[in-house]
Amino acid sequence: MVPSDAGGGLMRGDLLSDPVEGLDEALAVVDAFDEALVAGLLRPGPAQAAGVSGLAGAVAGTPLAARVAEAAEKAAAGTGGEDHFVALAAARSALLGSVHDALVQRIDEAVGRPVEGDETAGPEPVAAAPEEAANLLAAARSWLCDLARGGWRGLDHELVAGAAPVVAAMLPEPGMRRRAALLDGFAAELAASCPGATLERVPVRRWADLWSRALLLTVPGSAGAGAVGTATGRLLPLGVDVQEHATAVQAQVHAVLEPAGGGAPRLVRASVSAPKPDTVVGAGLWQLLRPRMSLLGAVGEGRSAQVEAMPVTAEGDLLWDDALARTGEPADAFATARVMLSAATAARVEPLDRHPVRIAVPVLLEGYAAREGEDGLAFEVAARLLAVDTDRIPAAGPLTPEAVAASHACVGLLRWDAGEFLLQPLAVETTVRKKTVAVHAGAWAGGTSDKTGVRAEKAATDAVAVLRERAGRLLRT
């Protein structure tokens, strides 16, 4: 969506609106299986049996074919065991993985961006879990299979409570905490929806996603490896994606890494998370995150960072360590995007993580016209509309939907949801008093003198001080 010699924008907007062959059919198979989980697979009816069988048919001719065919037959008869449910979850994950890959390939074609080869994308082998950990995984698997048999309409507090002892046993084990967090959050969400029989609306896709992912993570060795390499060079931030929940917050910095030894630049991410009280919102979130990662200060100041032997995963996630980084020279995100973004290689996602919801590709758009419609804001370029997801703009920064609507250049994340590509703005360039001004979602990450940001930070400081004082009272009594 910018000239081919101008850097890192979307080159072929038409490719983002053209249909992807086979995508609708794959999603229809997943939807049918997910509906089978609503009533449960203890006594499946004809519609449920058809949904399970359709999953087997979709992976016929693949290495999964025989195992999934057997699993589908047993599940359709109501006699599915743990191995059968794992096979069905694997088939479902494989289908969504194929959707992910097809969409990412379409984005690669539209952007014209190179991709790392498979030889650099895979993690190192993971050792099998020890026997005691295997017992915990088996307990988790048993609970998840009970959920599948009972179905979402069969949820009750007794069934959901079966996760509590498993989570409690997993949490003390560092290698099990990823799984424990997933199970704990899933169980809490199910508990808040009990009894399932009275639910007005079942989040069918979401719960099936959580169930299948949790079930596959009960396979020993499935949690993946840690760091598989190191990164040394100049880190040029593009923007910050803030994800906030009632009790937790995460900031994910998307950046381009310019290797010190030369070679093609790489797209990387650096994330930091923190628990939070529900009274800390808006710009106050940075107070919780800032002390945990110096990179946020560099982002707020519009600077690069120099990293030395920083651990990095095969998927391009930096395992941030402040001791291995220092703040560098000023770096403009739009200059980085225009010069380097299209040449930066993107790491491939690991098989278990391949899902359309994981798609978040940094892109640059220029020369568009903003259009407000019934479905919200969209950018029009060459008679094509690209929807803009303004709901993802965080309240923790100066970027607003109004600034996005008035912009003429945008660095954002290309996502896919509900059958279409969406753009999540991270920063925009707009004109104020005949001058081009950049507005970043993460502009307040390192602190701010902006009146709105200062007020929000003060309110957060006061809230945290009150909570600490109350906690101190409780500890003294």
Protein backbone atom coordinates (compact mmCIF):
# COMPACT_ATOMS: atom_id res chain seq x y z
CA MET A 1 0.00 0.00 0.00
CA VAL A 2 3.08 2.18 -0.42
CA PRO A 3 5.37 2.31 -3.45
CA SER A 4 7.59 -0.74 -3.70
CA ASP A 5 10.74 1.34 -3.25
CA ALA A 6 9.50 3.16 -0.15
CA GLY A 7 10.17 0.51 2.45
CA GLY A 8 7.96 -1.60 4.61
CA GLY A 9 4.30 -1.13 3.77
CA LEU A 10 1.62 -3.45 2.47
CA MET A 11 2.39 -3.91 -1.23
CA ARG A 12 -0.71 -5.79 -2.37
CA GLY A 13 -3.83 -4.70 -0.56
CA ASP A 14 -5.96 -6.73 -2.96
CA LEU A 15 -4.45 -9.95 -1.61
CA LEU A 16 -5.86 -9.21 1.83
CA SER A 17 -9.43 -9.07 0.55
CA ASP A 18 -9.27 -11.99 -1.91
CA PRO A 19 -10.57 -15.33 -0.54
CA VAL A 20 -8.07 -17.93 0.65
CA GLU A 21 -8.70 -21.33 -0.96
CA GLY A 22 -9.91 -23.97 1.49
CA LEU A 23 -10.06 -21.63 4.48
CA ASP A 24 -13.84 -21.57 4.89
CA GLU A 25 -14.05 -25.36 4.56
CA ALA A 26 -11.40 -25.91 7.25
CA LEU A 27 -13.10 -23.53 9.65
CA ALA A 28 -16.47 -25.19 9.02
CA VAL A 29 -15.01 -28.55 10.09
CA VAL A 30 -13.59 -26.98 13.26
CA ASP A 31 -16.94 -25.30 14.01
CA ALA A 32 -18.81 -28.61 13.68
CA PHE A 33 -16.44 -30.35 16.07
CA ASP A 34 -16.63 -27.45 18.52
CA GLU A 35 -20.43 -27.70 18.52
CA ALA A 36 -20.09 -31.38 19.44
CA LEU A 37 -18.31 -30.31 22.64
CA VAL A 38 -21.24 -28.13 23.69
CA ALA A 39 -23.47 -31.08 24.64
CA GLY A 40 -20.53 -33.37 25.40
CA LEU A 41 -19.32 -36.67 24.02
CA LEU A 42 -20.59 -39.02 26.70
CA ARG A 43 -23.75 -39.83 24.71
CA PRO A 44 -23.22 -38.16 21.34
CA GLY A 45 -26.16 -37.67 19.02
CA PRO A 46 -26.07 -37.86 15.21
CA ALA A 47 -25.03 -34.23 14.78
CA GLN A 48 -22.19 -34.62 17.26
CA ALA A 49 -21.03 -37.85 15.65
CA ALA A 50 -21.01 -36.11 12.28
CA GLY A 51 -18.92 -33.27 13.71
CA VAL A 52 -16.34 -35.69 15.08
CA SER A 53 -16.27 -37.74 11.89
CA GLY A 54 -15.82 -34.60 9.81
CA LEU A 55 -12.65 -33.85 11.74
CA ALA A 56 -11.28 -37.29 10.82
CA GLY A 57 -12.18 -36.75 7.18
CA ALA A 58 -10.38 -33.41 7.09
CA VAL A 59 -7.04 -34.98 8.09
CA ALA A 60 -7.35 -38.08 5.90
CA GLY A 61 -4.17 -38.54 3.92
CA THR A 62 -2.03 -36.95 6.65
CA PRO A 63 0.13 -38.73 9.25
CA LEU A 64 -2.73 -38.22 11.72
CA ALA A 65 -5.26 -40.08 9.59
CA ALA A 66 -5.28 -43.54 11.20
CA ARG A 67 -5.20 -42.37 14.82
CA VAL A 68 -7.85 -39.70 14.30
CA ALA A 69 -10.11 -42.09 12.37
CA GLU A 70 -10.00 -44.52 15.29
CA ALA A 71 -10.52 -41.70 17.78
CA ALA A 72 -13.50 -40.36 15.84
CA GLU A 73 -15.10 -43.81 15.69
CA LYS A 74 -14.72 -44.33 19.45
CA ALA A 75 -15.85 -40.80 20.33
CA ALA A 76 -18.90 -41.03 18.05
CA ALA A 77 -19.87 -44.21 19.88
CA GLY A 78 -19.44 -42.55 23.29
CA THR A 79 -16.49 -44.75 24.23
CA GLY A 80 -13.64 -42.32 23.64
CA GLY A 81 -10.65 -42.57 25.99
CA GLU A 82 -7.89 -40.14 26.84
CA ASP A 83 -5.70 -41.07 23.87
CA HIS A 84 -8.66 -40.62 21.55
CA PHE A 85 -9.45 -37.14 22.87
CA VAL A 86 -5.79 -36.14 22.52
CA ALA A 87 -5.86 -37.31 18.89
CA LEU A 88 -8.99 -35.27 18.19
CA ALA A 89 -7.44 -32.20 19.82
CA ALA A 90 -4.34 -32.72 17.66
CA ALA A 91 -6.44 -32.89 14.50
CA ARG A 92 -8.31 -29.73 15.46
CA SER A 93 -5.02 -27.96 16.18
CA ALA A 94 -3.61 -29.14 12.85
CA LEU A 95 -6.59 -27.72 10.95
CA LEU A 96 -6.34 -24.35 12.67
CA GLY A 97 -2.60 -24.48 12.09
CA SER A 98 -3.22 -24.89 8.36
CA VAL A 99 -5.53 -21.85 8.48
CA HIS A 100 -2.81 -19.90 10.29
CA ASP A 101 -0.19 -20.90 7.72
CA ALA A 102 -2.42 -20.01 4.77
CA LEU A 103 -3.17 -16.57 6.22
CA VAL A 104 0.48 -15.88 7.06
CA GLN A 105 1.50 -16.92 3.56
CA ARG A 106 -1.06 -14.47 2.16
CA ILE A 107 0.36 -11.71 4.38
CA ASP A 108 3.91 -12.56 3.28
CA GLU A 109 2.80 -12.22 -0.34
CA ALA A 110 1.04 -8.92 0.34
CA VAL A 111 3.93 -7.43 2.30
CA GLY A 112 6.72 -8.97 0.24
CA ARG A 113 8.60 -9.91 3.39
CA PRO A 114 11.17 -12.74 3.61
CA VAL A 115 10.68 -15.56 6.11
CA GLU A 116 13.31 -17.44 8.07
CA GLY A 117 14.00 -20.91 6.76
CA ASP A 118 12.78 -23.98 8.59
CA GLU A 119 16.32 -24.78 9.71
CA THR A 120 16.25 -21.78 12.06
CA ALA A 121 12.64 -21.96 13.11
CA GLY A 122 12.49 -25.15 15.16
CA PRO A 123 13.25 -25.48 18.86
CA GLU A 124 15.81 -27.82 20.31
CA PRO A 125 14.41 -31.18 21.45
CA VAL A 126 12.85 -31.19 24.90
CA ALA A 127 13.53 -33.92 27.39
CA ALA A 128 10.55 -35.98 28.51
CA ALA A 129 8.94 -34.85 31.75
CA PRO A 130 10.04 -36.72 34.88
CA GLU A 131 7.77 -39.39 36.30
CA GLU A 132 6.19 -37.20 38.98
CA ALA A 133 5.48 -34.49 36.40
CA ALA A 134 4.00 -37.14 34.10
CA ASN A 135 1.58 -38.04 36.89
CA LEU A 136 0.45 -34.41 37.12
CA LEU A 137 -0.01 -34.26 33.36
CA ALA A 138 -2.08 -37.44 33.48
CA ALA A 139 -4.29 -35.92 36.20
CA ALA A 140 -4.82 -32.79 34.11
CA ARG A 141 -5.59 -34.90 31.05
CA SER A 142 -8.18 -36.89 33.00
CA TRP A 143 -9.97 -33.73 34.08
CA LEU A 144 -9.98 -32.29 30.56
CA CYS A 145 -11.40 -35.52 29.16
CA ASP A 146 -14.17 -35.41 31.79
CA LEU A 147 -14.99 -31.92 30.53
CA ALA A 148 -15.28 -33.21 26.97
CA ARG A 149 -17.62 -35.98 28.05
CA GLY A 150 -19.85 -33.68 30.10
CA GLY A 151 -19.78 -30.82 27.57
CA TRP A 152 -20.18 -27.13 28.20
CA ARG A 153 -23.92 -27.53 28.87
CA GLY A 154 -23.09 -30.16 31.48
CA LEU A 155 -20.83 -27.90 33.53
CA ASP A 156 -21.32 -27.84 37.27
CA HIS A 157 -19.15 -26.73 40.18
CA GLU A 158 -18.22 -30.27 41.14
CA LEU A 159 -16.88 -31.02 37.66
CA VAL A 160 -14.97 -27.76 37.40
CA ALA A 161 -13.53 -28.11 40.92
CA GLY A 162 -11.62 -31.18 39.75
CA ALA A 163 -8.95 -28.86 38.36
CA ALA A 164 -8.09 -27.28 41.73
CA PRO A 165 -5.88 -30.05 43.18
CA VAL A 166 -4.11 -30.48 39.85
CA VAL A 167 -3.30 -26.78 39.61
CA ALA A 168 -2.19 -26.68 43.24
CA ALA A 169 0.23 -29.56 42.62
CA MET A 170 1.58 -28.02 39.40
CA LEU A 171 2.28 -24.50 40.64
CA PRO A 172 5.32 -25.37 42.84
CA GLU A 173 7.00 -26.97 39.80
CA PRO A 174 8.68 -24.26 37.63
CA GLY A 175 8.42 -26.40 34.52
CA MET A 176 4.69 -26.87 35.02
CA ARG A 177 3.61 -23.28 35.66
CA ARG A 178 2.71 -22.54 32.05
CA ARG A 179 0.26 -25.41 32.06
CA ALA A 180 -0.94 -24.57 35.57
CA ALA A 181 -1.72 -20.99 34.56
CA LEU A 182 -3.73 -22.17 31.56
CA LEU A 183 -5.69 -24.74 33.58
CA ASP A 184 -6.31 -22.29 36.42
CA GLY A 185 -7.60 -19.56 34.13
CA PHE A 186 -9.73 -22.00 32.13
CA ALA A 187 -11.24 -23.49 35.27
CA ALA A 188 -11.98 -20.05 36.71
CA GLU A 189 -13.78 -19.05 33.52
CA LEU A 190 -15.83 -22.25 33.55
CA ALA A 191 -16.65 -21.84 37.25
CA ALA A 192 -17.97 -18.34 36.61
CA SER A 193 -20.33 -19.81 33.99
CA CYS A 194 -21.80 -22.63 36.08
CA PRO A 195 -24.26 -24.20 35.69
CA GLY A 196 -23.72 -24.65 31.98
CA ALA A 197 -27.32 -25.68 31.39
CA THR A 198 -28.52 -22.12 32.08
CA LEU A 199 -26.00 -20.29 29.91
CA GLU A 200 -27.63 -17.97 27.38
CA ARG A 201 -24.57 -18.06 25.16
CA VAL A 202 -21.68 -20.51 25.10
CA PRO A 203 -18.29 -19.17 23.89
CA VAL A 204 -17.94 -22.22 21.67
CA ARG A 205 -14.72 -21.42 19.80
CA ARG A 206 -12.94 -19.95 22.83
CA TRP A 207 -13.60 -22.86 25.17
CA ALA A 208 -12.74 -25.39 22.48
CA ASP A 209 -9.47 -23.51 21.87
CA LEU A 210 -8.60 -23.56 25.57
CA TRP A 211 -9.63 -27.20 25.96
CA SER A 212 -7.66 -28.49 22.97
CA ARG A 213 -4.55 -26.47 23.79
CA ALA A 214 -4.59 -27.54 27.44
CA LEU A 215 -5.09 -31.18 26.42
CA LEU A 216 -2.16 -31.12 23.99
CA LEU A 217 0.03 -29.55 26.67
CA THR A 218 -0.55 -32.62 28.84
CA VAL A 219 1.59 -34.61 26.41
CA PRO A 220 5.08 -34.85 28.01
CA GLY A 221 7.56 -32.53 26.30
CA SER A 222 4.87 -30.43 24.63
CA ALA A 223 5.56 -27.23 26.56
CA GLY A 224 8.51 -26.46 24.28
CA ALA A 225 12.08 -25.43 24.80
CA GLY A 226 13.37 -22.23 26.33
CA ALA A 227 15.87 -19.97 24.61
CA VAL A 228 17.51 -21.53 21.56
CA GLY A 229 19.95 -18.76 20.76
CA THR A 230 21.18 -15.28 21.57
CA ALA A 231 20.77 -11.91 19.90
CA THR A 232 23.37 -9.14 19.72
CA GLY A 233 22.83 -5.87 17.93
CA ARG A 234 20.66 -2.77 17.73
CA LEU A 235 17.00 -3.05 18.66
CA LEU A 236 14.72 -0.57 16.88
CA PRO A 237 11.23 -0.44 18.46
CA LEU A 238 8.18 -0.18 16.21
CA GLY A 239 5.47 0.03 18.86
CA VAL A 240 3.93 -1.43 22.00
CA ASP A 241 0.90 -3.71 22.24
CA VAL A 242 -0.73 -3.48 25.69
CA GLN A 243 -2.95 -6.36 26.82
CA GLU A 244 -4.89 -5.72 30.02
CA HIS A 245 -7.05 -7.94 32.20
CA ALA A 246 -8.62 -7.32 35.59
CA THR A 247 -5.73 -8.87 37.51
CA ALA A 248 -2.82 -8.80 35.03
CA VAL A 249 -1.25 -6.63 32.35
CA GLN A 250 1.31 -7.28 29.61
CA ALA A 251 3.23 -4.97 27.32
CA GLN A 252 4.74 -6.47 24.18
CA VAL A 253 7.30 -4.39 22.29
CA HIS A 254 7.51 -5.16 18.57
CA ALA A 255 10.87 -4.26 17.10
CA VAL A 256 13.41 -4.81 14.35
CA LEU A 257 16.74 -6.32 15.40
CA GLU A 258 19.75 -5.19 13.38
CA PRO A 259 22.39 -7.91 14.03
CA ALA A 260 25.80 -6.65 15.14
CA GLY A 261 27.63 -9.00 12.78
CA GLY A 262 25.64 -7.97 9.73
CA GLY A 263 22.99 -9.95 7.95
CA ALA A 264 19.29 -9.41 7.40
CA PRO A 265 17.34 -7.59 10.13
CA ARG A 266 14.85 -9.69 12.12
CA LEU A 267 11.40 -9.06 13.53
CA VAL A 268 11.47 -9.72 17.27
CA ARG A 269 9.31 -9.14 20.34
CA ALA A 270 10.05 -8.42 23.99
CA SER A 271 7.30 -8.87 26.57
CA VAL A 272 6.84 -7.99 30.21
CA SER A 273 3.91 -8.95 32.43
CA ALA A 274 2.82 -8.05 35.95
CA PRO A 275 -0.08 -8.81 38.27
CA LYS A 276 -2.22 -5.80 39.07
CA PRO A 277 -5.12 -4.70 41.27
CA ASP A 278 -8.26 -3.87 39.35
CA THR A 279 -8.06 -0.24 40.56
CA VAL A 280 -4.87 0.40 38.55
CA VAL A 281 -5.85 1.26 34.97
CA GLY A 282 -4.82 3.52 32.11
CA ALA A 283 -1.40 5.14 32.32
CA GLY A 284 -0.97 3.76 35.82
CA LEU A 285 -0.19 0.38 34.28
CA TRP A 286 3.28 1.57 33.32
CA GLN A 287 4.22 1.89 37.00
CA LEU A 288 3.76 -1.85 37.34
CA LEU A 289 5.66 -2.72 34.15
CA ARG A 290 8.40 -0.09 33.96
CA PRO A 291 10.62 -1.45 36.77
CA ARG A 292 10.60 -4.89 35.16
CA MET A 293 11.98 -3.95 31.73
CA SER A 294 14.27 -1.02 30.85
CA LEU A 295 13.22 -1.28 27.19
CA LEU A 296 9.97 0.52 28.05
CA GLY A 297 11.97 3.58 29.02
CA ALA A 298 13.75 3.52 25.68
CA VAL A 299 10.42 3.20 23.85
CA GLY A 300 8.95 6.14 25.76
CA GLU A 301 11.98 8.27 24.90
CA GLY A 302 11.98 7.22 21.24
CA ARG A 303 15.36 5.51 21.45
CA SER A 304 16.90 2.27 20.29
CA ALA A 305 18.46 -0.31 22.58
CA GLN A 306 21.73 -2.22 22.30
CA VAL A 307 21.46 -5.87 23.30
CA GLU A 308 24.37 -8.20 23.99
CA ALA A 309 23.84 -11.98 23.95
CA MET A 310 20.16 -11.56 24.82
CA PRO A 311 18.40 -14.97 24.90
CA VAL A 312 15.90 -15.33 22.06
CA THR A 313 13.48 -18.11 21.20
CA ALA A 314 13.00 -19.65 17.79
CA GLU A 315 9.80 -17.62 17.38
CA GLY A 316 11.64 -14.31 17.84
CA ASP A 317 10.74 -13.64 21.48
CA LEU A 318 13.53 -11.97 23.44
CA LEU A 319 13.79 -13.25 27.01
CA TRP A 320 14.54 -9.82 28.34
CA ASP A 321 17.34 -9.24 30.85
CA ASP A 322 18.15 -5.62 31.75
CA ALA A 323 21.75 -6.60 32.47
CA LEU A 324 22.20 -7.47 28.79
CA ALA A 325 20.83 -4.22 27.36
CA ARG A 326 21.51 -0.49 27.35
CA THR A 327 19.65 2.46 25.90
CA GLY A 328 20.94 3.59 22.52
CA GLU A 329 20.59 6.51 20.15
CA PRO A 330 17.30 8.18 19.13
CA ALA A 331 15.29 5.99 16.75
CA ASP A 332 12.10 6.95 14.95
CA ALA A 333 9.61 4.10 14.53
CA PHE A 334 8.36 5.40 11.19
CA ALA A 335 11.88 5.77 9.82
CA THR A 336 12.60 2.21 10.91
CA ALA A 337 9.41 0.97 9.27
CA ARG A 338 10.06 2.81 6.01
CA VAL A 339 13.66 1.70 5.68
CA MET A 340 13.85 -1.75 7.27
CA LEU A 341 10.46 -3.33 7.81
CA SER A 342 10.00 -4.93 4.41
CA ALA A 343 13.47 -6.51 4.56
CA ALA A 344 13.15 -7.85 8.11
CA THR A 345 12.76 -11.62 8.31
CA ALA A 346 9.90 -13.07 10.34
CA ALA A 347 10.36 -16.26 12.34
CA ARG A 348 7.93 -19.09 11.77
CA VAL A 349 5.57 -20.04 14.59
CA GLU A 350 5.96 -23.41 16.27
CA PRO A 351 3.35 -26.05 15.27
CA LEU A 352 1.51 -26.10 18.61
CA ASP A 353 1.23 -22.30 18.58
CA ARG A 354 -0.13 -21.99 15.06
CA HIS A 355 -3.59 -20.50 15.37
CA PRO A 356 -5.23 -17.57 13.54
CA VAL A 357 -5.51 -15.64 16.82
CA ARG A 358 -1.70 -15.61 17.06
CA ILE A 359 -1.30 -13.57 13.88
CA ALA A 360 0.13 -10.12 14.64
CA VAL A 361 2.39 -8.93 11.81
CA PRO A 362 3.99 -5.44 11.98
CA VAL A 363 3.18 -3.40 8.85
CA LEU A 364 3.38 0.18 7.59
CA LEU A 365 0.51 1.87 5.76
CA GLU A 366 0.68 5.22 3.97
CA GLY A 367 -1.38 7.13 1.47
CA TYR A 368 -4.74 5.86 2.71
CA ALA A 369 -8.03 7.63 3.39
CA ALA A 370 -9.89 6.99 6.63
CA ARG A 371 -13.53 5.97 6.21
CA GLU A 372 -16.08 5.84 9.04
CA GLY A 373 -18.92 3.40 8.49
CA GLU A 374 -21.51 1.35 10.35
CA ASP A 375 -18.87 -1.27 11.10
CA GLY A 376 -16.38 1.29 12.40
CA LEU A 377 -13.20 2.83 11.02
CA ALA A 378 -11.46 1.50 7.91
CA PHE A 379 -8.54 2.63 5.76
CA GLU A 380 -9.17 2.85 2.02
CA VAL A 381 -6.22 2.31 -0.30
CA ALA A 382 -6.60 1.70 -4.02
CA ALA A 383 -10.35 1.15 -3.61
CA ARG A 384 -9.77 -1.54 -0.97
CA LEU A 385 -10.93 -1.26 2.64
CA LEU A 386 -8.93 -2.55 5.59
CA ALA A 387 -10.82 -2.56 8.88
CA VAL A 388 -9.13 -0.79 11.81
CA ASP A 389 -9.49 -2.35 15.25
CA THR A 390 -9.73 0.76 17.42
CA ASP A 391 -10.97 -1.31 20.38
CA ARG A 392 -7.38 -2.54 20.85
CA ILE A 393 -6.01 0.97 21.34
CA PRO A 394 -4.95 1.07 25.02
CA ALA A 395 -6.02 3.80 27.43
CA ALA A 396 -2.43 3.78 28.72
CA GLY A 397 -1.18 6.14 26.00
CA PRO A 398 -2.04 9.26 23.98
CA LEU A 399 -3.13 7.35 20.88
CA THR A 400 -6.89 7.68 20.33
CA PRO A 401 -9.38 6.57 17.68
CA GLU A 402 -9.70 10.22 16.67
CA ALA A 403 -5.96 10.51 16.06
CA VAL A 404 -6.06 7.32 13.99
CA ALA A 405 -8.97 8.63 11.92
CA ALA A 406 -7.05 11.85 11.20
CA SER A 407 -3.78 10.09 10.33
CA HIS A 408 -1.97 9.68 7.01
CA ALA A 409 0.57 7.01 8.04
CA CYS A 410 0.25 4.12 10.46
CA VAL A 411 2.50 1.47 11.96
CA GLY A 412 0.33 -1.35 13.21
CA LEU A 413 -0.20 -5.06 13.64
CA LEU A 414 -2.04 -6.93 10.93
CA ARG A 415 -4.40 -9.44 12.56
CA TRP A 416 -7.17 -11.75 11.41
CA ASP A 417 -10.52 -12.11 13.15
CA ALA A 418 -14.07 -13.08 12.25
CA GLY A 419 -13.17 -13.82 8.64
CA GLU A 420 -11.25 -10.66 7.76
CA PHE A 421 -7.93 -8.93 8.19
CA LEU A 422 -7.82 -6.12 10.74
CA LEU A 423 -5.24 -3.46 11.53
CA GLN A 424 -4.36 -2.68 15.13
CA PRO A 425 -2.67 0.75 15.23
CA LEU A 426 0.52 1.07 17.31
CA ALA A 427 1.47 4.55 16.11
CA VAL A 428 0.23 7.09 13.58
CA GLU A 429 1.47 10.21 11.86
CA THR A 430 -1.03 13.03 11.68
CA THR A 431 -0.94 16.74 10.84
CA VAL A 432 -1.25 19.30 13.63
CA ARG A 433 -0.95 22.99 12.69
CA LYS A 434 0.60 22.07 9.34
CA LYS A 435 3.26 19.93 11.02
CA THR A 436 3.56 16.14 10.94
CA VAL A 437 3.25 14.73 14.45
CA ALA A 438 3.74 11.11 15.51
CA VAL A 439 1.44 9.68 18.19
CA HIS A 440 2.44 6.37 19.79
CA ALA A 441 0.39 4.00 21.93
CA GLY A 442 3.48 3.41 24.08
CA ALA A 443 4.57 7.04 24.35
CA TRP A 444 3.98 7.07 28.12
CA ALA A 445 5.82 3.82 28.76
CA GLY A 446 8.88 5.53 30.25
CA GLY A 447 7.00 8.39 31.93
CA THR A 448 5.30 11.51 30.61
CA SER A 449 4.77 15.21 31.17
CA ASP A 450 1.42 15.05 29.39
CA LYS A 451 -1.27 16.36 31.75
CA THR A 452 -3.61 13.43 31.14
CA GLY A 453 -0.84 10.90 31.66
CA VAL A 454 0.44 12.64 34.80
CA ARG A 455 -3.05 12.63 36.35
CA ALA A 456 -3.52 8.94 35.54
CA GLU A 457 -0.14 8.01 37.01
CA LYS A 458 -0.85 10.00 40.19
CA ALA A 459 -4.21 8.27 40.60
CA ALA A 460 -2.50 4.91 40.19
CA THR A 461 0.18 5.86 42.72
CA ASP A 462 -2.48 6.82 45.25
CA ALA A 463 -4.38 3.56 44.64
CA VAL A 464 -1.26 1.44 45.08
CA ALA A 465 -0.29 3.35 48.25
CA VAL A 466 -3.73 2.70 49.77
CA LEU A 467 -3.55 -1.00 48.91
CA ARG A 468 -0.07 -1.30 50.43
CA GLU A 469 -1.21 0.43 53.59
CA ARG A 470 -4.18 -1.89 53.91
CA ALA A 471 -1.98 -4.93 53.27
CA GLY A 472 0.37 -3.71 55.99
CA ARG A 473 -2.50 -3.50 58.45
CA LEU A 474 -3.57 -7.04 57.66
CA LEU A 475 -0.03 -8.34 58.16
CA ARG A 476 0.25 -6.56 61.52
CA THR A 477 -3.04 -7.99 62.84
